[in-house]
Protein backbone atom coordinates (compact mmCIF):
# COMPACT_ATOMS: atom_id res chain seq x y z
CA MET A 1 26.59 24.99 10.66
CA ARG A 2 26.39 22.93 13.85
CA PRO A 3 29.66 21.01 14.48
CA PHE A 4 29.55 17.22 14.68
CA TYR A 5 31.77 15.51 17.22
CA ASN A 6 30.98 11.89 16.18
CA PHE A 7 30.32 10.80 19.74
CA ALA A 8 28.39 7.72 18.58
CA ARG A 9 31.18 6.64 16.24
CA VAL A 10 33.82 7.08 18.94
CA ALA A 11 31.74 5.09 21.45
CA THR A 12 30.88 2.25 19.05
CA GLY A 13 33.28 -0.18 20.72
CA GLU A 14 31.71 0.35 24.13
CA VAL A 15 28.02 0.80 23.27
CA VAL A 16 27.39 -1.82 20.59
CA PRO A 17 28.62 -4.84 22.65
CA GLN A 18 26.22 -3.84 25.43
CA LEU A 19 23.33 -3.59 22.97
CA LEU A 20 24.18 -7.03 21.60
CA ILE A 21 24.10 -8.52 25.09
CA LEU A 22 20.71 -6.94 25.74
CA LEU A 23 19.39 -8.59 22.55
CA THR A 24 19.68 -11.92 24.37
CA LYS A 25 17.18 -10.85 27.06
CA GLN A 26 14.10 -11.96 25.13
CA ASP A 27 10.77 -12.50 26.82
CA GLU A 28 9.17 -15.70 25.51
CA ASP A 29 5.75 -14.70 26.79
CA ALA A 30 5.74 -11.22 25.25
CA THR A 31 3.04 -10.46 22.71
CA ASP A 32 3.95 -9.13 19.26
CA ASP A 33 3.09 -5.56 20.19
CA GLU A 34 4.71 -5.60 23.64
CA TYR A 35 7.80 -3.41 24.05
CA ASN A 36 10.54 -5.06 26.11
CA LEU A 37 14.27 -4.83 26.74
CA ALA A 38 15.37 -6.97 23.78
CA ARG A 39 13.17 -5.07 21.34
CA ALA A 40 14.37 -1.74 22.67
CA ALA A 41 17.98 -2.91 22.17
CA TYR A 42 17.17 -4.00 18.61
CA GLN A 43 15.67 -0.62 17.78
CA CYS A 44 18.65 1.15 19.30
CA LEU A 45 21.02 -1.03 17.28
CA GLN A 46 19.17 -0.12 14.09
CA LEU A 47 19.50 3.58 14.82
CA TYR A 48 23.14 3.18 15.80
CA ALA A 49 23.85 1.49 12.46
CA GLN A 50 22.30 4.44 10.65
CA ALA A 51 24.42 6.83 12.69
CA VAL A 52 27.84 5.19 12.44
CA GLY A 53 27.55 3.33 9.12
CA PRO A 54 30.29 0.77 8.40
CA ASN A 55 31.83 1.17 11.86
CA ILE A 56 29.11 -1.06 13.27
CA VAL A 57 29.91 -4.02 11.03
CA PRO A 58 33.01 -5.48 12.83
CA PRO A 59 31.52 -5.78 16.35
CA VAL A 60 28.22 -7.12 15.04
CA LEU A 61 29.86 -9.68 12.75
CA SER A 62 32.04 -10.84 15.62
CA PHE A 63 28.93 -11.38 17.77
CA VAL A 64 27.11 -13.18 14.94
CA GLU A 65 30.00 -15.54 14.21
CA GLN A 66 30.33 -16.37 17.89
CA HIS A 67 26.67 -17.12 18.63
CA LEU A 68 24.98 -18.13 15.36
CA ARG A 69 25.51 -21.82 16.15
CA SER A 70 24.93 -21.51 19.91
CA GLU A 71 22.96 -24.25 21.64
CA ASP A 72 20.96 -21.59 23.48
CA TRP A 73 18.21 -20.26 21.20
CA HIS A 74 18.37 -16.85 22.92
CA PHE A 75 21.86 -16.28 21.49
CA ARG A 76 20.99 -17.71 18.06
CA GLU A 77 17.99 -15.41 17.85
CA ALA A 78 20.04 -12.42 19.02
CA ALA A 79 22.74 -13.15 16.42
CA VAL A 80 20.24 -13.31 13.56
CA ALA A 81 18.41 -10.21 14.79
CA ALA A 82 21.66 -8.26 15.06
CA PHE A 83 22.61 -9.17 11.50
CA GLY A 84 19.28 -7.92 10.19
CA ALA A 85 19.44 -4.74 12.27
CA ILE A 86 22.51 -3.38 10.47
CA MET A 87 21.10 -3.69 6.93
CA GLU A 88 20.36 0.02 6.88
CA GLY A 89 23.30 2.29 7.61
CA PRO A 90 26.45 0.82 6.03
CA GLU A 91 26.68 1.27 2.27
CA GLU A 92 25.35 -1.56 0.16
CA THR A 93 28.79 -2.17 -1.34
CA VAL A 94 30.05 -2.91 2.17
CA LEU A 95 27.18 -5.26 3.03
CA GLU A 96 26.84 -7.10 -0.29
CA PRO A 97 29.78 -9.55 0.06
CA ILE A 98 28.89 -10.21 3.70
CA VAL A 99 25.24 -10.90 2.86
CA LYS A 100 26.16 -13.18 -0.06
CA GLN A 101 28.26 -15.29 2.27
CA ALA A 102 25.60 -15.35 5.00
CA LEU A 103 22.51 -16.04 2.88
CA PRO A 104 22.86 -19.86 2.67
CA ILE A 105 23.28 -20.03 6.45
CA LEU A 106 20.28 -17.75 7.07
CA ILE A 107 18.11 -19.76 4.70
CA SER A 108 19.05 -22.97 6.51
CA MET A 109 18.10 -21.34 9.83
CA MET A 110 14.49 -21.16 8.62
CA GLU A 111 14.43 -24.81 9.76
CA ASP A 112 15.65 -24.03 13.28
CA GLY A 113 13.95 -25.80 16.16
CA SER A 114 12.91 -22.50 17.77
CA VAL A 115 10.04 -20.54 16.26
CA PHE A 116 11.56 -17.37 17.71
CA VAL A 117 14.76 -17.95 15.76
CA LYS A 118 12.82 -18.72 12.59
CA ASP A 119 10.70 -15.58 12.97
CA SER A 120 13.77 -13.38 13.47
CA THR A 121 15.47 -15.09 10.54
CA ALA A 122 12.48 -14.36 8.30
CA TYR A 123 12.53 -10.74 9.42
CA ALA A 124 16.29 -10.50 8.80
CA LEU A 125 15.73 -11.90 5.31
CA GLY A 126 13.08 -9.24 4.84
CA ARG A 127 15.59 -6.56 5.81
CA ILE A 128 18.03 -8.02 3.29
CA THR A 129 15.46 -8.10 0.49
CA GLU A 130 14.56 -4.51 1.28
CA SER A 131 17.98 -2.91 1.75
CA CYS A 132 20.55 -5.22 0.14
CA SER A 133 18.67 -7.14 -2.53
CA ALA A 134 21.62 -6.91 -4.95
CA ALA A 135 23.32 -9.63 -2.89
CA ILE A 136 20.59 -12.14 -3.80
CA ASP A 137 21.63 -14.20 -6.81
CA PRO A 138 18.48 -15.35 -8.67
CA ASN A 139 20.19 -18.51 -9.89
CA THR A 140 21.65 -19.51 -6.53
CA HIS A 141 19.56 -18.06 -3.74
CA LEU A 142 16.06 -17.39 -5.08
CA ASP A 143 14.65 -20.91 -5.21
CA PRO A 144 15.69 -22.06 -1.69
CA LEU A 145 14.80 -18.62 -0.30
CA ILE A 146 11.26 -18.68 -1.70
CA ARG A 147 10.74 -22.26 -0.51
CA ALA A 148 11.94 -21.43 2.99
CA LEU A 149 9.71 -18.36 3.26
CA PHE A 150 6.62 -20.16 2.00
CA ALA A 151 7.23 -22.91 4.52
CA GLY A 152 6.88 -20.31 7.27
CA VAL A 153 3.72 -18.66 5.93
CA HIS A 154 1.53 -21.25 7.64
CA ASN A 155 2.75 -20.30 11.13
CA PRO A 156 0.91 -17.31 12.68
CA LYS A 157 4.05 -16.34 14.59
CA MET A 158 6.14 -16.13 11.41
CA ALA A 159 3.54 -15.24 8.79
CA ALA A 160 4.00 -11.46 8.88
CA SER A 161 7.80 -11.64 8.55
CA CYS A 162 7.72 -14.28 5.82
CA CYS A 163 5.06 -12.46 3.82
CA TRP A 164 6.91 -9.17 4.09
CA SER A 165 10.05 -10.82 2.73
CA LEU A 166 8.10 -12.41 -0.13
CA MET A 167 6.54 -9.06 -1.09
CA ASN A 168 10.00 -7.49 -1.16
CA LEU A 169 11.21 -10.30 -3.41
CA ALA A 170 8.28 -9.81 -5.78
CA GLU A 171 9.11 -6.13 -6.12
CA ARG A 172 12.87 -6.63 -6.36
CA PHE A 173 12.74 -9.26 -9.14
CA SER A 174 9.78 -7.94 -11.12
CA GLY A 175 11.89 -6.66 -14.01
CA ASP A 176 10.42 -4.37 -16.67
CA PHE A 177 6.65 -3.86 -16.63
CA ASP A 178 6.15 -5.44 -20.06
CA ALA A 179 8.84 -8.09 -19.68
CA THR A 180 7.97 -11.51 -21.07
CA SER A 181 9.50 -13.21 -18.05
CA ASN A 182 11.40 -12.36 -14.88
CA PRO A 183 13.27 -14.35 -12.21
CA LEU A 184 9.98 -15.04 -10.40
CA THR A 185 8.22 -16.53 -13.44
CA PRO A 186 9.42 -20.13 -12.79
CA HIS A 187 8.06 -19.84 -9.23
CA PHE A 188 4.84 -17.98 -10.03
CA ASN A 189 2.38 -20.85 -10.49
CA GLN A 190 3.55 -22.79 -7.44
CA SER A 191 3.58 -19.65 -5.32
CA VAL A 192 0.01 -18.79 -6.29
CA GLN A 193 -1.12 -22.35 -5.61
CA THR A 194 0.50 -22.37 -2.18
CA LEU A 195 -1.10 -19.06 -1.24
CA LEU A 196 -4.52 -20.22 -2.41
CA GLU A 197 -4.20 -23.34 -0.28
CA VAL A 198 -3.19 -21.32 2.78
CA THR A 199 -6.06 -18.84 2.40
CA ALA A 200 -8.61 -21.58 1.70
CA GLN A 201 -8.11 -23.28 5.06
CA ALA A 202 -11.11 -22.64 7.29
CA SER A 203 -8.92 -22.98 10.36
CA ALA A 204 -6.34 -20.48 9.10
CA ASP A 205 -5.51 -17.62 11.43
CA ALA A 206 -6.95 -14.29 10.27
CA THR A 207 -3.48 -12.73 10.22
CA VAL A 208 -2.11 -15.56 8.10
CA ARG A 209 -4.97 -15.25 5.64
CA THR A 210 -4.71 -11.47 5.33
CA THR A 211 -0.93 -11.39 4.88
CA SER A 212 -1.09 -14.26 2.39
CA TYR A 213 -3.56 -12.32 0.25
CA GLU A 214 -1.18 -9.35 0.39
CA VAL A 215 1.61 -11.55 -0.98
CA LEU A 216 -0.73 -12.83 -3.69
CA SER A 217 -1.49 -9.24 -4.71
CA ALA A 218 2.22 -8.43 -4.85
CA PHE A 219 3.01 -11.46 -7.03
CA VAL A 220 0.17 -10.53 -9.42
CA GLN A 221 1.23 -6.87 -9.61
CA HIS A 222 4.76 -7.87 -10.58
CA ALA A 223 3.88 -10.82 -12.83
CA ALA A 224 5.53 -11.03 -16.23
CA THR A 225 3.40 -11.39 -19.36
CA ASP A 226 4.16 -15.13 -19.56
CA SER A 227 2.18 -15.47 -16.31
CA PHE A 228 -0.93 -13.70 -17.64
CA PRO A 229 -2.82 -16.97 -18.35
CA ALA A 230 -2.28 -17.97 -14.71
CA VAL A 231 -3.40 -14.50 -13.57
CA ALA A 232 -6.55 -14.80 -15.69
CA GLU A 233 -7.28 -18.19 -14.16
CA LEU A 234 -6.68 -16.73 -10.71
CA SER A 235 -9.42 -14.17 -11.38
CA ASN A 236 -11.96 -17.00 -11.57
CA VAL A 237 -10.89 -18.29 -8.16
CA ILE A 238 -10.98 -14.86 -6.51
CA ILE A 239 -14.37 -13.95 -7.98
CA LYS A 240 -15.78 -17.30 -6.85
CA ARG A 241 -14.48 -16.73 -3.32
CA LEU A 242 -16.08 -13.28 -3.28
CA GLU A 243 -19.37 -14.83 -4.38
CA GLU A 244 -19.12 -17.34 -1.54
CA THR A 245 -18.83 -14.54 1.03
CA ILE A 246 -22.27 -13.10 0.21
CA PRO A 247 -24.33 -15.79 2.06
CA LEU A 248 -21.98 -15.43 5.04
CA GLN A 249 -23.39 -11.94 5.71
CA SER A 250 -26.60 -13.48 7.08
CA GLN A 251 -24.58 -15.76 9.38
CA VAL A 252 -22.80 -12.94 11.23
CA THR A 253 -23.69 -13.14 14.91
CA SER A 254 -20.90 -11.19 16.62
CA ILE A 255 -18.46 -8.35 16.14
CA GLU A 256 -15.67 -10.89 15.60
CA ASP A 257 -17.63 -12.54 12.78
CA LYS A 258 -18.24 -9.16 11.17
CA ILE A 259 -14.58 -8.17 11.34
CA THR A 260 -13.43 -11.52 9.94
CA LEU A 261 -15.88 -11.34 7.02
CA GLU A 262 -14.97 -7.74 6.20
CA GLU A 263 -11.25 -8.53 6.29
CA MET A 264 -11.81 -11.43 3.91
CA GLN A 265 -13.89 -9.36 1.47
CA THR A 266 -11.39 -6.51 1.61
CA SER A 267 -8.45 -8.85 0.99
CA LEU A 268 -10.20 -10.52 -1.96
CA ASN A 269 -11.00 -7.12 -3.46
CA THR A 270 -7.36 -6.11 -3.07
CA VAL A 271 -6.25 -9.17 -5.06
CA LEU A 272 -8.94 -8.48 -7.65
CA GLN A 273 -7.69 -4.91 -8.03
CA ALA A 274 -4.17 -6.21 -8.69
CA ILE A 275 -5.50 -8.63 -11.31
CA ILE A 276 -7.47 -5.88 -13.06
CA GLN A 277 -4.52 -3.51 -13.07
CA ARG A 278 -2.20 -6.17 -14.46
CA LEU A 279 -4.49 -7.58 -17.15
CA GLU A 280 -6.00 -4.20 -18.08
CA LYS A 281 -8.30 -4.65 -21.11
CA GLU A 282 -7.94 -8.43 -20.95
CA ILE A 283 -10.12 -8.42 -17.82
CA ALA A 284 -13.16 -7.34 -19.89
CA PRO A 285 -14.62 -10.90 -20.23
CA GLN A 286 -14.86 -11.05 -16.43
CA GLY A 287 -16.48 -7.61 -16.16
CA ASP A 288 -20.05 -8.91 -15.79
CA ARG A 289 -19.17 -11.32 -12.98
CA ILE A 290 -17.07 -8.74 -11.17
CA MET A 291 -19.78 -6.08 -11.23
CA GLN A 292 -22.49 -8.55 -10.27
CA VAL A 293 -20.66 -9.76 -7.16
CA VAL A 294 -19.47 -6.35 -5.98
CA LEU A 295 -22.95 -4.87 -6.37
CA GLN A 296 -24.39 -7.75 -4.37
CA ILE A 297 -21.88 -7.08 -1.61
CA LEU A 298 -22.66 -3.36 -1.63
CA ASN A 299 -26.34 -4.25 -1.31
CA THR A 300 -25.79 -6.43 1.77
CA VAL A 301 -22.93 -4.69 3.61
CA GLY A 302 -23.85 -2.79 6.72
CA PRO A 303 -23.01 0.78 7.76
CA LYS A 304 -19.59 1.79 9.10
CA SER A 305 -17.90 -0.88 7.03
CA SER A 306 -14.53 -0.69 5.30
CA VAL A 307 -15.64 -2.96 2.47
CA PRO A 308 -17.21 -0.25 0.23
CA GLU A 309 -13.86 1.53 -0.01
CA ALA A 310 -12.21 -1.65 -1.32
CA ILE A 311 -15.09 -2.26 -3.72
CA PHE A 312 -14.93 1.30 -5.08
CA ALA A 313 -11.21 0.81 -5.70
CA THR A 314 -12.01 -2.39 -7.62
CA ILE A 315 -14.66 -0.61 -9.67
CA SER A 316 -12.26 2.25 -10.37
CA GLY A 317 -9.73 -0.19 -11.80
CA LEU A 318 -12.40 -1.91 -13.88
CA ALA A 319 -13.65 1.42 -15.26
CA ASN A 320 -10.11 2.41 -16.24
CA ALA A 321 -9.61 -0.97 -17.93
CA MET A 322 -12.91 -1.07 -19.83
CA GLU A 323 -13.12 2.65 -20.61
CA GLU A 324 -16.28 3.45 -22.63
CA ASP A 325 -17.58 -0.11 -22.30
CA PHE A 326 -18.11 0.51 -18.58
CA ILE A 327 -21.30 2.39 -19.49
CA LYS A 328 -23.29 -0.86 -19.45
CA TYR A 329 -22.86 -1.08 -15.67
CA MET A 330 -23.67 2.51 -14.79
CA ASP A 331 -27.46 2.21 -14.42
CA ALA A 332 -27.01 -0.55 -11.82
CA PHE A 333 -24.06 1.08 -10.06
CA ALA A 334 -25.12 4.73 -10.06
CA PRO A 335 -27.51 4.46 -7.04
CA PHE A 336 -24.70 3.06 -4.87
CA LEU A 337 -22.36 5.83 -6.03
CA TYR A 338 -24.96 8.52 -5.31
CA ASN A 339 -25.53 7.11 -1.81
CA ALA A 340 -21.81 7.20 -1.11
CA LEU A 341 -21.52 10.77 -2.40
CA ALA A 342 -24.26 11.79 0.03
CA ASN A 343 -22.82 9.84 2.96
CA GLN A 344 -20.93 12.56 4.83
CA GLU A 345 -21.16 10.54 8.05
CA GLU A 346 -18.46 8.28 6.58
CA PRO A 347 -15.88 10.70 5.13
CA ALA A 348 -13.57 7.94 3.87
CA VAL A 349 -16.32 6.35 1.77
CA CYS A 350 -17.52 9.74 0.55
CA SER A 351 -14.01 10.81 -0.43
CA MET A 352 -13.48 7.52 -2.26
CA ALA A 353 -16.74 8.06 -4.15
CA ILE A 354 -15.65 11.57 -5.16
CA GLY A 355 -12.45 10.19 -6.62
CA LEU A 356 -14.43 7.46 -8.36
CA VAL A 357 -16.52 10.12 -10.14
CA SER A 358 -13.34 11.46 -11.75
CA ASP A 359 -12.18 7.96 -12.70
CA ILE A 360 -15.49 6.97 -14.26
CA THR A 361 -16.01 10.16 -16.24
CA ARG A 362 -12.42 10.14 -17.44
CA SER A 363 -12.74 6.54 -18.57
CA MET A 364 -16.14 6.81 -20.27
CA GLY A 365 -15.58 10.24 -21.79
CA GLU A 366 -18.64 11.66 -23.56
CA ARG A 367 -20.73 8.63 -22.61
CA SER A 368 -20.72 9.77 -18.96
CA GLN A 369 -22.69 12.93 -19.82
CA PRO A 370 -26.15 11.60 -18.76
CA TYR A 371 -24.86 11.17 -15.19
CA CYS A 372 -22.90 14.41 -14.87
CA ASP A 373 -25.76 16.63 -13.65
CA ASN A 374 -26.40 14.29 -10.73
CA PHE A 375 -22.67 14.10 -10.01
CA MET A 376 -22.47 17.89 -9.95
CA ASN A 377 -25.45 18.26 -7.62
CA TYR A 378 -24.00 15.84 -5.08
CA LEU A 379 -20.54 17.41 -5.27
CA LEU A 380 -21.84 20.95 -4.81
CA ASN A 381 -24.02 19.80 -1.94
CA ASN A 382 -20.92 18.36 -0.25
CA LEU A 383 -19.23 21.70 -0.76
CA ARG A 384 -22.10 23.62 0.80
CA VAL A 385 -22.92 21.52 3.84
CA SER A 386 -19.80 19.43 4.47
CA SER A 387 -18.77 19.33 8.11
CA HIS A 388 -15.53 17.56 7.16
CA ARG A 389 -12.81 19.82 5.76
CA LEU A 390 -11.06 16.81 4.27
CA LEU A 391 -13.88 16.44 1.73
CA ILE A 392 -13.44 19.94 0.31
CA PRO A 393 -10.14 19.48 -1.61
CA PRO A 394 -11.24 16.32 -3.46
CA VAL A 395 -14.58 17.97 -4.32
CA LEU A 396 -12.97 21.14 -5.68
CA THR A 397 -10.47 19.24 -7.80
CA CYS A 398 -12.89 16.57 -9.02
CA GLU A 399 -13.55 16.51 -12.76
CA TYR A 400 -17.18 15.50 -13.00
CA PHE A 401 -16.99 15.75 -16.80
CA PRO A 402 -13.83 15.64 -18.93
CA GLY A 403 -12.23 19.08 -18.84
CA THR A 404 -14.77 20.53 -16.41
CA ASN A 405 -13.57 21.23 -12.90
CA VAL A 406 -15.95 21.51 -9.96
CA LEU A 407 -14.26 24.70 -8.73
CA ARG A 408 -14.99 26.45 -12.03
CA ARG A 409 -18.62 25.38 -11.87
CA ALA A 410 -18.93 26.37 -8.20
CA LEU A 411 -17.86 29.94 -8.97
CA ARG A 412 -21.08 30.47 -10.91
CA CYS A 413 -22.77 30.54 -7.52
CA PRO A 414 -20.42 32.10 -4.89
CA THR A 415 -22.52 30.76 -2.01
CA ASN A 416 -21.15 27.32 -2.87
CA LEU A 417 -17.74 28.47 -1.62
CA SER A 418 -19.01 30.01 1.60
CA PRO A 419 -17.83 27.07 3.77
CA LEU A 420 -14.26 27.96 2.86
CA PHE A 421 -14.48 31.35 4.54
CA CYS A 422 -16.58 30.56 7.60
CA ASN A 423 -13.44 29.94 9.62
CA ALA A 424 -10.36 31.93 8.59
CA SER A 425 -7.96 29.69 10.48
CA ALA A 426 -9.33 26.63 8.73
CA THR A 427 -9.29 28.11 5.23
CA LEU A 428 -5.57 28.16 4.50
CA PRO A 429 -4.90 24.40 4.98
CA VAL A 430 -7.87 23.57 2.77
CA LEU A 431 -6.78 25.90 0.01
CA LEU A 432 -3.22 24.66 0.29
CA ALA A 433 -4.48 21.13 -0.29
CA VAL A 434 -6.59 22.26 -3.25
CA THR A 435 -3.82 24.19 -4.95
CA SER A 436 -1.39 21.34 -4.30
CA ARG A 437 -3.68 18.99 -6.21
CA LEU A 438 -4.10 21.52 -9.01
CA ILE A 439 -0.36 22.16 -9.25
CA SER A 440 0.45 18.46 -9.58
CA ARG A 441 -2.15 18.07 -12.32
CA TRP A 442 -0.98 21.09 -14.30
CA LEU A 443 2.65 20.15 -13.91
CA ARG A 444 1.88 16.79 -15.49
CA LYS A 445 0.16 18.56 -18.37
CA PHE A 446 3.00 21.03 -18.71
CA TYR A 447 5.71 18.41 -18.91
CA SER A 448 3.66 16.22 -21.25
CA ARG A 449 3.38 19.25 -23.60
CA GLN A 450 -0.39 19.39 -23.18
CA LEU A 451 -0.08 22.85 -21.66
CA ARG A 452 1.05 25.06 -24.54
CA SER A 453 2.04 28.09 -22.51
CA PRO A 454 3.73 28.33 -19.11
CA ARG A 455 1.90 31.59 -18.39
CA ARG A 456 -0.64 30.01 -16.05
CA LEU A 457 1.97 27.97 -14.24
CA MET A 458 4.13 31.05 -13.67
CA ALA A 459 1.14 33.04 -12.45
CA LEU A 460 0.23 30.29 -10.02
CA THR A 461 3.78 30.15 -8.69
CA LYS A 462 3.79 33.91 -8.16
CA CYS A 463 0.56 33.77 -6.18
CA LEU A 464 1.84 30.92 -4.03
CA ILE A 465 5.02 32.83 -3.19
CA THR A 466 2.97 35.91 -2.32
CA SER A 467 0.67 33.90 -0.07
CA SER A 468 3.61 32.35 1.77
CA LEU A 469 4.98 35.84 2.46
CA TYR A 470 1.75 37.49 3.55
CA GLY A 471 -0.37 34.54 4.70
CA ARG A 472 -3.47 35.80 2.90
CA GLU A 473 -5.97 33.04 2.21
CA SER A 474 -7.50 35.07 -0.64
CA TRP A 475 -4.24 34.78 -2.58
CA MET A 476 -4.44 31.00 -2.34
CA LEU A 477 -7.93 30.94 -3.80
CA GLY A 478 -6.89 33.50 -6.39
CA ALA A 479 -4.03 31.26 -7.46
CA ALA A 480 -6.36 28.32 -7.91
CA LEU A 481 -8.83 30.42 -9.93
CA LEU A 482 -6.15 32.02 -12.07
CA VAL A 483 -5.22 28.76 -13.73
CA LEU A 484 -8.75 27.57 -14.40
């Protein structure tokens, strides 16, 4: 074992003060993605905290106490940034009492006169909510913290940091999945209303709108059951906004317009997915409106767009929620799904469609049978002519009919598998991906007692070990076939 000499720990007293001084060398004109001296020092301080753990706390706290109330915003910003930088490294038991004492001060600094200080404060709060959330007392800190973060959502400079902190809070205080209420329940309605107001502003910055929709999705995903009526009402607003984007397609005159519209439609679909996943079967009354608007968007969206992926994810959630009742939408939706399955020029869309086949057939069960022959033809065609290796694993592991795997069907005609062996060097990664998917599926069955005998699992393991020793691609395929 390589010896450790703890050079970083020994040098903490000399290195950390220099890093803290460099934090004060901010560049006011730097863009968000520009790497400069202060940002390099911040990153170094983060890594140093991970390396030396609690040893970094004393020098950083000394710097923070000295400069947190400085009249020069450079030092105030550096003090806040330094405090956030050490949230990962020292044990949480070490940080918790320090964070509890500092939280009221940090929350008050969200009203600082410098936007740079407020942005760094929001990011530091995000680091706290991510790494030391136990220090946040729901009764004492949560209300002023949420108010302070929402106040910063409107500012494009601060929006990303504030929204990240809010998403961490939503996850941290979500409680049990079926809980009647959680610490966020008293703030849920007002939070949703604020986010809807921010995203409805025509003059809102695109970044502000996108990050605000992400926060909205997070709050919906972690909503308690007492908030379900508000979530159901939110679905009306989101569907209406999606409907209002359809006429905008004809008004696109530039690349910027196209990007803005696609970002808006994608964000709205993301929120809609969260609503569907949270309400589950209770979303059924909105099924007709949802399918009508998403099919209209699919009919008007242009090529090389990211919107179909988001729409397919929405439809996947709706199919899982409605189960057999989803059959009433299949005649209208099937042509769009077939087009996506045949669209190998856009591998991401095609791969999403392949996964959607599994979701739909699993949800509808026997009622999906009339569509399965077409599904199989498209999937086998992708297997035969695909120029994208990434499409092969999802095709081979796709269940186009409950209990029927594409790989088993493909073996009836060996020429379907010929693409796998055209290039020996390319075969092994593909088969590894396939068997990885199969292993995860069978492991789930095994541990849920759906797999009565471990014989197949043991045989698969043996083949995988053999293949790792000898590097023979045929063993990988044999392992996959053995458990079919």
